[in-house]
Amino acid sequence: MQTPTNIQLIGTEVAIVWDDGAETYFQSEMLRAASPSAENVGEHDILGNQYGGDGPTEFPGVTVQGWEIVGNYAVRFDFSDGHRTGLFTYGYLRDLARKGE
């Protein structure tokens, strides 16, 4: 698993340099929309009922204000709209970059 060696805010983009030399760039609004949090994607109870995940899918003007490395596997971004619950695993971030989202 590749890990970030440097994370920087450049305007409204988040730039990540990975330990394999790759560089990825993400627009803040896209990261907010791609948050894997239960608020964004919902969660299911034991009976299969879904809760959450029915909110907005676009977040115009939202920016990343900070971040925190979580363990040795994820980044938690702080967004200007107060959202900060989605954990972006390193693999998930690399997949987002590959998809060009």
PDB file of N, CA and C in Angstrom:
ATOM      1  N   MET A   1       0.842  -1.173   0.000  1.00  0.00           N
ATOM      2  CA  MET A   1       0.000   0.000   0.000  1.00  0.00           C
ATOM      3  C   MET A   1       0.890   1.240   0.000  1.00  0.00           C
ATOM      4  N   GLN A   2       0.615   2.145  -0.950  1.00  0.00           N
ATOM      5  CA  GLN A   2       1.342   3.396  -0.996  1.00  0.00           C
ATOM      6  C   GLN A   2       0.829   4.327   0.101  1.00  0.00           C
ATOM      7  N   THR A   3       1.731   5.128   0.648  1.00  0.00           N
ATOM      8  CA  THR A   3       1.363   6.072   1.703  1.00  0.00           C
ATOM      9  C   THR A   3       1.800   7.475   1.295  1.00  0.00           C
ATOM     10  N   PRO A   4       1.078   8.492   1.774  1.00  0.00           N
ATOM     11  CA  PRO A   4       1.464   9.866   1.455  1.00  0.00           C
ATOM     12  C   PRO A   4       2.750  10.263   2.182  1.00  0.00           C
ATOM     13  N   THR A   5       3.610  10.986   1.476  1.00  0.00           N
ATOM     14  CA  THR A   5       4.801  11.533   2.115  1.00  0.00           C
ATOM     15  C   THR A   5       4.663  13.034   2.312  1.00  0.00           C
ATOM     16  N   ASN A   6       3.710  13.646   1.576  1.00  0.00           N
ATOM     17  CA  ASN A   6       3.497  15.081   1.699  1.00  0.00           C
ATOM     18  C   ASN A   6       2.083  15.400   1.238  1.00  0.00           C
ATOM     19  N   ILE A   7       1.385  16.224   2.005  1.00  0.00           N
ATOM     20  CA  ILE A   7       0.052  16.702   1.636  1.00  0.00           C
ATOM     21  C   ILE A   7       0.081  18.218   1.759  1.00  0.00           C
ATOM     22  N   GLN A   8      -0.370  18.897   0.701  1.00  0.00           N
ATOM     23  CA  GLN A   8      -0.363  20.360   0.682  1.00  0.00           C
ATOM     24  C   GLN A   8      -1.668  20.882   0.098  1.00  0.00           C
ATOM     25  N   LEU A   9      -2.083  22.047   0.578  1.00  0.00           N
ATOM     26  CA  LEU A   9      -3.185  22.777  -0.035  1.00  0.00           C
ATOM     27  C   LEU A   9      -2.585  23.757  -1.036  1.00  0.00           C
ATOM     28  N   ILE A  10      -3.065  23.689  -2.275  1.00  0.00           N
ATOM     29  CA  ILE A  10      -2.631  24.620  -3.314  1.00  0.00           C
ATOM     30  C   ILE A  10      -3.899  25.251  -3.870  1.00  0.00           C
ATOM     31  N   GLY A  11      -4.211  26.441  -3.413  1.00  0.00           N
ATOM     32  CA  GLY A  11      -5.474  27.076  -3.785  1.00  0.00           C
ATOM     33  C   GLY A  11      -6.628  26.249  -3.244  1.00  0.00           C
ATOM     34  N   THR A  12      -7.481  25.778  -4.142  1.00  0.00           N
ATOM     35  CA  THR A  12      -8.612  24.938  -3.724  1.00  0.00           C
ATOM     36  C   THR A  12      -8.347  23.463  -3.970  1.00  0.00           C
ATOM     37  N   GLU A  13      -7.112  23.119  -4.316  1.00  0.00           N
ATOM     38  CA  GLU A  13      -6.745  21.720  -4.553  1.00  0.00           C
ATOM     39  C   GLU A  13      -5.931  21.160  -3.396  1.00  0.00           C
ATOM     40  N   VAL A  14      -6.084  19.863  -3.205  1.00  0.00           N
ATOM     41  CA  VAL A  14      -5.238  19.123  -2.274  1.00  0.00           C
ATOM     42  C   VAL A  14      -4.249  18.329  -3.124  1.00  0.00           C
ATOM     43  N   ALA A  15      -2.969  18.548  -2.882  1.00  0.00           N
ATOM     44  CA  ALA A  15      -1.917  17.833  -3.604  1.00  0.00           C
ATOM     45  C   ALA A  15      -1.310  16.805  -2.658  1.00  0.00           C
ATOM     46  N   ILE A  16      -1.155  15.587  -3.144  1.00  0.00           N
ATOM     47  CA  ILE A  16      -0.561  14.514  -2.345  1.00  0.00           C
ATOM     48  C   ILE A  16       0.599  13.912  -3.117  1.00  0.00           C
ATOM     49  N   VAL A  17       1.746  13.834  -2.457  1.00  0.00           N
ATOM     50  CA  VAL A  17       2.901  13.119  -3.008  1.00  0.00           C
ATOM     51  C   VAL A  17       2.958  11.783  -2.268  1.00  0.00           C
ATOM     52  N   TRP A  18       3.063  10.700  -3.035  1.00  0.00           N
ATOM     53  CA  TRP A  18       3.051   9.351  -2.474  1.00  0.00           C
ATOM     54  C   TRP A  18       4.466   8.795  -2.409  1.00  0.00           C
ATOM     55  N   ASP A  19       4.646   7.771  -1.583  1.00  0.00           N
ATOM     56  CA  ASP A  19       5.981   7.194  -1.395  1.00  0.00           C
ATOM     57  C   ASP A  19       6.533   6.496  -2.634  1.00  0.00           C
ATOM     58  N   ASP A  20       5.687   6.253  -3.636  1.00  0.00           N
ATOM     59  CA  ASP A  20       6.185   5.678  -4.896  1.00  0.00           C
ATOM     60  C   ASP A  20       6.513   6.756  -5.926  1.00  0.00           C
ATOM     61  N   GLY A  21       6.439   8.045  -5.511  1.00  0.00           N
ATOM     62  CA  GLY A  21       6.751   9.154  -6.391  1.00  0.00           C
ATOM     63  C   GLY A  21       5.566   9.731  -7.138  1.00  0.00           C
ATOM     64  N   ALA A  22       4.416   9.065  -7.093  1.00  0.00           N
ATOM     65  CA  ALA A  22       3.225   9.567  -7.773  1.00  0.00           C
ATOM     66  C   ALA A  22       2.719  10.832  -7.075  1.00  0.00           C
ATOM     67  N   GLU A  23       2.092  11.696  -7.850  1.00  0.00           N
ATOM     68  CA  GLU A  23       1.464  12.900  -7.315  1.00  0.00           C
ATOM     69  C   GLU A  23       0.003  12.895  -7.737  1.00  0.00           C
ATOM     70  N   THR A  24      -0.886  13.209  -6.801  1.00  0.00           N
ATOM     71  CA  THR A  24      -2.310  13.286  -7.120  1.00  0.00           C
ATOM     72  C   THR A  24      -2.826  14.641  -6.669  1.00  0.00           C
ATOM     73  N   TYR A  25      -3.824  15.139  -7.411  1.00  0.00           N
ATOM     74  CA  TYR A  25      -4.420  16.441  -7.131  1.00  0.00           C
ATOM     75  C   TYR A  25      -5.929  16.287  -7.106  1.00  0.00           C
ATOM     76  N   PHE A  26      -6.553  16.869  -6.097  1.00  0.00           N
ATOM     77  CA  PHE A  26      -8.002  16.757  -5.933  1.00  0.00           C
ATOM     78  C   PHE A  26      -8.597  18.129  -5.682  1.00  0.00           C
ATOM     79  N   GLN A  27      -9.667  18.467  -6.399  1.00  0.00           N
ATOM     80  CA  GLN A  27     -10.427  19.667  -6.100  1.00  0.00           C
ATOM     81  C   GLN A  27     -11.174  19.441  -4.778  1.00  0.00           C
ATOM     82  N   SER A  28     -11.232  20.451  -3.947  1.00  0.00           N
ATOM     83  CA  SER A  28     -11.895  20.340  -2.644  1.00  0.00           C
ATOM     84  C   SER A  28     -13.352  19.908  -2.776  1.00  0.00           C
ATOM     85  N   GLU A  29     -14.076  20.507  -3.720  1.00  0.00           N
ATOM     86  CA  GLU A  29     -15.488  20.171  -3.903  1.00  0.00           C
ATOM     87  C   GLU A  29     -15.669  18.704  -4.256  1.00  0.00           C
ATOM     88  N   MET A  30     -14.764  18.156  -5.075  1.00  0.00           N
ATOM     89  CA  MET A  30     -14.843  16.752  -5.457  1.00  0.00           C
ATOM     90  C   MET A  30     -14.593  15.856  -4.256  1.00  0.00           C
ATOM     91  N   LEU A  31     -13.597  16.215  -3.439  1.00  0.00           N
ATOM     92  CA  LEU A  31     -13.332  15.406  -2.240  1.00  0.00           C
ATOM     93  C   LEU A  31     -14.536  15.401  -1.313  1.00  0.00           C
ATOM     94  N   ARG A  32     -15.169  16.562  -1.147  1.00  0.00           N
ATOM     95  CA  ARG A  32     -16.342  16.631  -0.274  1.00  0.00           C
ATOM     96  C   ARG A  32     -17.454  15.734  -0.803  1.00  0.00           C
ATOM     97  N   ALA A  33     -17.679  15.759  -2.111  1.00  0.00           N
ATOM     98  CA  ALA A  33     -18.725  14.924  -2.711  1.00  0.00           C
ATOM     99  C   ALA A  33     -18.386  13.445  -2.623  1.00  0.00           C
ATOM    100  N   ALA A  34     -17.093  13.110  -2.616  1.00  0.00           N
ATOM    101  CA  ALA A  34     -16.652  11.709  -2.580  1.00  0.00           C
ATOM    102  C   ALA A  34     -16.438  11.189  -1.159  1.00  0.00           C
ATOM    103  N   SER A  35     -16.780  11.987  -0.156  1.00  0.00           N
ATOM    104  CA  SER A  35     -16.563  11.550   1.223  1.00  0.00           C
ATOM    105  C   SER A  35     -17.260  10.217   1.485  1.00  0.00           C
ATOM    106  N   PRO A  36     -16.517   9.251   2.016  1.00  0.00           N
ATOM    107  CA  PRO A  36     -17.103   7.937   2.286  1.00  0.00           C
ATOM    108  C   PRO A  36     -17.848   7.874   3.621  1.00  0.00           C
ATOM    109  N   SER A  37     -18.250   9.000   4.154  1.00  0.00           N
ATOM    110  CA  SER A  37     -18.935   9.031   5.446  1.00  0.00           C
ATOM    111  C   SER A  37     -20.352   8.472   5.342  1.00  0.00           C
ATOM    112  N   ALA A  38     -20.896   8.056   6.469  1.00  0.00           N
ATOM    113  CA  ALA A  38     -22.272   7.570   6.501  1.00  0.00           C
ATOM    114  C   ALA A  38     -23.238   8.680   6.099  1.00  0.00           C
ATOM    115  N   GLU A  39     -22.899   9.914   6.411  1.00  0.00           N
ATOM    116  CA  GLU A  39     -23.740  11.051   6.024  1.00  0.00           C
ATOM    117  C   GLU A  39     -23.871  11.120   4.506  1.00  0.00           C
ATOM    118  N   ASN A  40     -22.790  10.868   3.794  1.00  0.00           N
ATOM    119  CA  ASN A  40     -22.809  10.938   2.330  1.00  0.00           C
ATOM    120  C   ASN A  40     -23.359   9.680   1.684  1.00  0.00           C
ATOM    121  N   VAL A  41     -22.860   8.524   2.092  1.00  0.00           N
ATOM    122  CA  VAL A  41     -23.222   7.282   1.399  1.00  0.00           C
ATOM    123  C   VAL A  41     -24.284   6.472   2.136  1.00  0.00           C
ATOM    124  N   GLY A  42     -24.595   6.858   3.355  1.00  0.00           N
ATOM    125  CA  GLY A  42     -25.599   6.140   4.133  1.00  0.00           C
ATOM    126  C   GLY A  42     -25.021   4.923   4.818  1.00  0.00           C
ATOM    127  N   GLU A  43     -25.820   4.356   5.687  1.00  0.00           N
ATOM    128  CA  GLU A  43     -25.444   3.110   6.355  1.00  0.00           C
ATOM    129  C   GLU A  43     -26.707   2.290   6.558  1.00  0.00           C
ATOM    130  N   HIS A  44     -26.540   0.974   6.648  1.00  0.00           N
ATOM    131  CA  HIS A  44     -27.682   0.066   6.779  1.00  0.00           C
ATOM    132  C   HIS A  44     -27.727  -0.540   8.171  1.00  0.00           C
ATOM    133  N   ASP A  45     -28.955  -0.694   8.680  1.00  0.00           N
ATOM    134  CA  ASP A  45     -29.106  -1.399   9.948  1.00  0.00           C
ATOM    135  C   ASP A  45     -29.197  -2.897   9.680  1.00  0.00           C
ATOM    136  N   ILE A  46     -29.390  -3.666  10.708  1.00  0.00           N
ATOM    137  CA  ILE A  46     -29.408  -5.127  10.597  1.00  0.00           C
ATOM    138  C   ILE A  46     -30.576  -5.629   9.732  1.00  0.00           C
ATOM    139  N   LEU A  47     -31.615  -4.821   9.590  1.00  0.00           N
ATOM    140  CA  LEU A  47     -32.764  -5.206   8.784  1.00  0.00           C
ATOM    141  C   LEU A  47     -32.652  -4.730   7.335  1.00  0.00           C
ATOM    142  N   GLY A  48     -31.554  -4.052   7.024  1.00  0.00           N
ATOM    143  CA  GLY A  48     -31.343  -3.588   5.661  1.00  0.00           C
ATOM    144  C   GLY A  48     -31.870  -2.205   5.370  1.00  0.00           C
ATOM    145  N   ASN A  49     -32.425  -1.525   6.379  1.00  0.00           N
ATOM    146  CA  ASN A  49     -32.919  -0.168   6.184  1.00  0.00           C
ATOM    147  C   ASN A  49     -31.731   0.792   6.083  1.00  0.00           C
ATOM    148  N   GLN A  50     -31.794   1.691   5.115  1.00  0.00           N
ATOM    149  CA  GLN A  50     -30.700   2.654   4.928  1.00  0.00           C
ATOM    150  C   GLN A  50     -31.028   3.957   5.633  1.00  0.00           C
ATOM    151  N   TYR A  51     -30.028   4.511   6.280  1.00  0.00           N
ATOM    152  CA  TYR A  51     -30.130   5.802   6.950  1.00  0.00           C
ATOM    153  C   TYR A  51     -29.047   6.706   6.398  1.00  0.00           C
ATOM    154  N   GLY A  52     -29.434   7.925   6.046  1.00  0.00           N
ATOM    155  CA  GLY A  52     -28.480   8.871   5.485  1.00  0.00           C
ATOM    156  C   GLY A  52     -28.212   8.570   4.023  1.00  0.00           C
ATOM    157  N   GLY A  53     -27.285   9.322   3.455  1.00  0.00           N
ATOM    158  CA  GLY A  53     -26.912   9.106   2.071  1.00  0.00           C
ATOM    159  C   GLY A  53     -27.872   9.697   1.068  1.00  0.00           C
ATOM    160  N   ASP A  54     -28.826  10.494   1.537  1.00  0.00           N
ATOM    161  CA  ASP A  54     -29.805  11.066   0.624  1.00  0.00           C
ATOM    162  C   ASP A  54     -29.703  12.592   0.562  1.00  0.00           C
ATOM    163  N   GLY A  55     -28.568  13.113   0.969  1.00  0.00           N
ATOM    164  CA  GLY A  55     -28.357  14.556   0.964  1.00  0.00           C
ATOM    165  C   GLY A  55     -27.813  15.040  -0.360  1.00  0.00           C
ATOM    166  N   PRO A  56     -27.240  16.229  -0.345  1.00  0.00           N
ATOM    167  CA  PRO A  56     -26.711  16.787  -1.595  1.00  0.00           C
ATOM    168  C   PRO A  56     -25.545  15.965  -2.142  1.00  0.00           C
ATOM    169  N   THR A  57     -25.342  16.069  -3.448  1.00  0.00           N
ATOM    170  CA  THR A  57     -24.234  15.361  -4.094  1.00  0.00           C
ATOM    171  C   THR A  57     -23.205  16.324  -4.667  1.00  0.00           C
ATOM    172  N   GLU A  58     -23.519  17.608  -4.641  1.00  0.00           N
ATOM    173  CA  GLU A  58     -22.581  18.630  -5.090  1.00  0.00           C
ATOM    174  C   GLU A  58     -22.398  19.637  -3.969  1.00  0.00           C
ATOM    175  N   PHE A  59     -21.185  20.163  -3.870  1.00  0.00           N
ATOM    176  CA  PHE A  59     -20.852  21.051  -2.768  1.00  0.00           C
ATOM    177  C   PHE A  59     -20.085  22.275  -3.277  1.00  0.00           C
ATOM    178  N   PRO A  60     -20.773  23.135  -4.040  1.00  0.00           N
ATOM    179  CA  PRO A  60     -20.098  24.291  -4.627  1.00  0.00           C
ATOM    180  C   PRO A  60     -19.519  25.213  -3.551  1.00  0.00           C
ATOM    181  N   GLY A  61     -18.291  25.615  -3.773  1.00  0.00           N
ATOM    182  CA  GLY A  61     -17.639  26.553  -2.872  1.00  0.00           C
ATOM    183  C   GLY A  61     -17.023  25.951  -1.624  1.00  0.00           C
ATOM    184  N   VAL A  62     -17.228  24.662  -1.385  1.00  0.00           N
ATOM    185  CA  VAL A  62     -16.657  24.023  -0.194  1.00  0.00           C
ATOM    186  C   VAL A  62     -15.161  23.816  -0.415  1.00  0.00           C
ATOM    187  N   THR A  63     -14.378  24.126   0.599  1.00  0.00           N
ATOM    188  CA  THR A  63     -12.931  23.973   0.508  1.00  0.00           C
ATOM    189  C   THR A  63     -12.416  23.093   1.641  1.00  0.00           C
ATOM    190  N   VAL A  64     -11.235  22.551   1.444  1.00  0.00           N
ATOM    191  CA  VAL A  64     -10.547  21.810   2.499  1.00  0.00           C
ATOM    192  C   VAL A  64      -9.797  22.841   3.335  1.00  0.00           C
ATOM    193  N   GLN A  65      -9.991  22.777   4.650  1.00  0.00           N
ATOM    194  CA  GLN A  65      -9.334  23.725   5.543  1.00  0.00           C
ATOM    195  C   GLN A  65      -8.188  23.090   6.319  1.00  0.00           C
ATOM    196  N   GLY A  66      -8.168  21.783   6.358  1.00  0.00           N
ATOM    197  CA  GLY A  66      -7.108  21.075   7.048  1.00  0.00           C
ATOM    198  C   GLY A  66      -7.304  19.582   6.904  1.00  0.00           C
ATOM    199  N   TRP A  67      -6.425  18.815   7.507  1.00  0.00           N
ATOM    200  CA  TRP A  67      -6.508  17.355   7.437  1.00  0.00           C
ATOM    201  C   TRP A  67      -5.726  16.762   8.589  1.00  0.00           C
ATOM    202  N   GLU A  68      -5.975  15.486   8.798  1.00  0.00           N
ATOM    203  CA  GLU A  68      -5.285  14.736   9.839  1.00  0.00           C
ATOM    204  C   GLU A  68      -5.048  13.327   9.327  1.00  0.00           C
ATOM    205  N   ILE A  69      -3.840  12.823   9.532  1.00  0.00           N
ATOM    206  CA  ILE A  69      -3.549  11.425   9.206  1.00  0.00           C
ATOM    207  C   ILE A  69      -4.158  10.571  10.318  1.00  0.00           C
ATOM    208  N   VAL A  70      -4.880   9.527   9.936  1.00  0.00           N
ATOM    209  CA  VAL A  70      -5.522   8.626  10.894  1.00  0.00           C
ATOM    210  C   VAL A  70      -4.821   7.277  10.810  1.00  0.00           C
ATOM    211  N   GLY A  71      -4.177   6.899  11.916  1.00  0.00           N
ATOM    212  CA  GLY A  71      -3.435   5.640  11.926  1.00  0.00           C
ATOM    213  C   GLY A  71      -2.412   5.626  10.810  1.00  0.00           C
ATOM    214  N   ASN A  72      -2.243   4.482  10.207  1.00  0.00           N
ATOM    215  CA  ASN A  72      -1.334   4.339   9.068  1.00  0.00           C
ATOM    216  C   ASN A  72      -2.104   3.967   7.815  1.00  0.00           C
ATOM    217  N   TYR A  73      -3.364   4.483   7.714  1.00  0.00           N
ATOM    218  CA  TYR A  73      -4.174   4.025   6.601  1.00  0.00           C
ATOM    219  C   TYR A  73      -5.109   5.062   5.979  1.00  0.00           C
ATOM    220  N   ALA A  74      -5.284   6.236   6.594  1.00  0.00           N
ATOM    221  CA  ALA A  74      -6.316   7.148   6.083  1.00  0.00           C
ATOM    222  C   ALA A  74      -5.996   8.609   6.393  1.00  0.00           C
ATOM    223  N   VAL A  75      -6.740   9.481   5.687  1.00  0.00           N
ATOM    224  CA  VAL A  75      -6.693  10.923   5.928  1.00  0.00           C
ATOM    225  C   VAL A  75      -8.120  11.370   6.221  1.00  0.00           C
ATOM    226  N   ARG A  76      -8.273  12.221   7.229  1.00  0.00           N
ATOM    227  CA  ARG A  76      -9.573  12.836   7.532  1.00  0.00           C
ATOM    228  C   ARG A  76      -9.455  14.308   7.198  1.00  0.00           C
ATOM    229  N   PHE A  77     -10.257  14.765   6.240  1.00  0.00           N
ATOM    230  CA  PHE A  77     -10.216  16.160   5.818  1.00  0.00           C
ATOM    231  C   PHE A  77     -11.224  16.984   6.608  1.00  0.00           C
ATOM    232  N   ASP A  78     -10.871  18.228   6.881  1.00  0.00           N
ATOM    233  CA  ASP A  78     -11.775  19.203   7.499  1.00  0.00           C
ATOM    234  C   ASP A  78     -12.262  20.128   6.389  1.00  0.00           C
ATOM    235  N   PHE A  79     -13.574  20.130   6.160  1.00  0.00           N
ATOM    236  CA  PHE A  79     -14.152  20.931   5.084  1.00  0.00           C
ATOM    237  C   PHE A  79     -14.789  22.198   5.638  1.00  0.00           C
ATOM    238  N   SER A  80     -14.873  23.217   4.793  1.00  0.00           N
ATOM    239  CA  SER A  80     -15.389  24.516   5.220  1.00  0.00           C
ATOM    240  C   SER A  80     -16.866  24.482   5.605  1.00  0.00           C
ATOM    241  N   ASP A  81     -17.609  23.465   5.203  1.00  0.00           N
ATOM    242  CA  ASP A  81     -19.017  23.352   5.599  1.00  0.00           C
ATOM    243  C   ASP A  81     -19.189  22.606   6.922  1.00  0.00           C
ATOM    244  N   GLY A  82     -18.075  22.313   7.608  1.00  0.00           N
ATOM    245  CA  GLY A  82     -18.131  21.647   8.904  1.00  0.00           C
ATOM    246  C   GLY A  82     -18.020  20.136   8.837  1.00  0.00           C
ATOM    247  N   HIS A  83     -18.059  19.570   7.647  1.00  0.00           N
ATOM    248  CA  HIS A  83     -17.972  18.104   7.509  1.00  0.00           C
ATOM    249  C   HIS A  83     -16.554  17.644   7.829  1.00  0.00           C
ATOM    250  N   ARG A  84     -16.462  16.591   8.638  1.00  0.00           N
ATOM    251  CA  ARG A  84     -15.137  16.051   8.960  1.00  0.00           C
ATOM    252  C   ARG A  84     -15.200  14.604   9.436  1.00  0.00           C
ATOM    253  N   THR A  85     -16.195  13.866   8.981  1.00  0.00           N
ATOM    254  CA  THR A  85     -16.345  12.498   9.490  1.00  0.00           C
ATOM    255  C   THR A  85     -15.911  11.401   8.529  1.00  0.00           C
ATOM    256  N   GLY A  86     -15.687  11.693   7.275  1.00  0.00           N
ATOM    257  CA  GLY A  86     -15.296  10.642   6.330  1.00  0.00           C
ATOM    258  C   GLY A  86     -13.809  10.342   6.413  1.00  0.00           C
ATOM    259  N   LEU A  87     -13.470   9.069   6.493  1.00  0.00           N
ATOM    260  CA  LEU A  87     -12.065   8.653   6.477  1.00  0.00           C
ATOM    261  C   LEU A  87     -11.715   8.189   5.071  1.00  0.00           C
ATOM    262  N   PHE A  88     -10.809   8.896   4.439  1.00  0.00           N
ATOM    263  CA  PHE A  88     -10.355   8.576   3.097  1.00  0.00           C
ATOM    264  C   PHE A  88      -9.144   7.669   3.221  1.00  0.00           C
ATOM    265  N   THR A  89      -9.341   6.365   3.023  1.00  0.00           N
ATOM    266  CA  THR A  89      -8.191   5.463   3.098  1.00  0.00           C
ATOM    267  C   THR A  89      -7.243   5.792   1.952  1.00  0.00           C
ATOM    268  N   TYR A  90      -5.992   5.415   2.136  1.00  0.00           N
ATOM    269  CA  TYR A  90      -5.003   5.675   1.090  1.00  0.00           C
ATOM    270  C   TYR A  90      -5.409   5.004  -0.215  1.00  0.00           C
ATOM    271  N   GLY A  91      -5.896   3.789  -0.133  1.00  0.00           N
ATOM    272  CA  GLY A  91      -6.338   3.076  -1.333  1.00  0.00           C
ATOM    273  C   GLY A  91      -7.503   3.781  -2.013  1.00  0.00           C
ATOM    274  N   TYR A  92      -8.447   4.297  -1.218  1.00  0.00           N
ATOM    275  CA  TYR A  92      -9.593   5.015  -1.767  1.00  0.00           C
ATOM    276  C   TYR A  92      -9.135   6.279  -2.495  1.00  0.00           C
ATOM    277  N   LEU A  93      -8.178   7.016  -1.911  1.00  0.00           N
ATOM    278  CA  LEU A  93      -7.657   8.210  -2.567  1.00  0.00           C
ATOM    279  C   LEU A  93      -6.964   7.869  -3.891  1.00  0.00           C
ATOM    280  N   ARG A  94      -6.188   6.796  -3.888  1.00  0.00           N
ATOM    281  CA  ARG A  94      -5.518   6.387  -5.139  1.00  0.00           C
ATOM    282  C   ARG A  94      -6.554   5.981  -6.186  1.00  0.00           C
ATOM    283  N   ASP A  95      -7.618   5.287  -5.764  1.00  0.00           N
ATOM    284  CA  ASP A  95      -8.678   4.907  -6.699  1.00  0.00           C
ATOM    285  C   ASP A  95      -9.379   6.139  -7.270  1.00  0.00           C
ATOM    286  N   LEU A  96      -9.659   7.139  -6.427  1.00  0.00           N
ATOM    287  CA  LEU A  96     -10.268   8.367  -6.910  1.00  0.00           C
ATOM    288  C   LEU A  96      -9.393   9.032  -7.969  1.00  0.00           C
ATOM    289  N   ALA A  97      -8.103   9.046  -7.728  1.00  0.00           N
ATOM    290  CA  ALA A  97      -7.172   9.665  -8.671  1.00  0.00           C
ATOM    291  C   ALA A  97      -7.151   8.892  -9.995  1.00  0.00           C
ATOM    292  N   ARG A  98      -7.193   7.564  -9.918  1.00  0.00           N
ATOM    293  CA  ARG A  98      -7.196   6.745 -11.142  1.00  0.00           C
ATOM    294  C   ARG A  98      -8.458   6.971 -11.960  1.00  0.00           C
ATOM    295  N   LYS A  99      -9.582   7.149 -11.270  1.00  0.00           N
ATOM    296  CA  LYS A  99     -10.858   7.365 -11.957  1.00  0.00           C
ATOM    297  C   LYS A  99     -10.967   8.787 -12.505  1.00  0.00           C
ATOM    298  N   GLY A 100     -10.075   9.670 -12.050  1.00  0.00           N
ATOM    299  CA  GLY A 100     -10.122  11.042 -12.521  1.00  0.00           C
ATOM    300  C   GLY A 100     -11.274  11.836 -11.957  1.00  0.00           C
ATOM    301  N   GLU A 101     -11.810  11.387 -10.823  1.00  0.00           N
ATOM    302  CA  GLU A 101     -12.961  12.056 -10.234  1.00  0.00           C
ATOM    303  C   GLU A 101     -12.551  13.302  -9.489  1.00  0.00           C
TER     304      GLU A 101
END
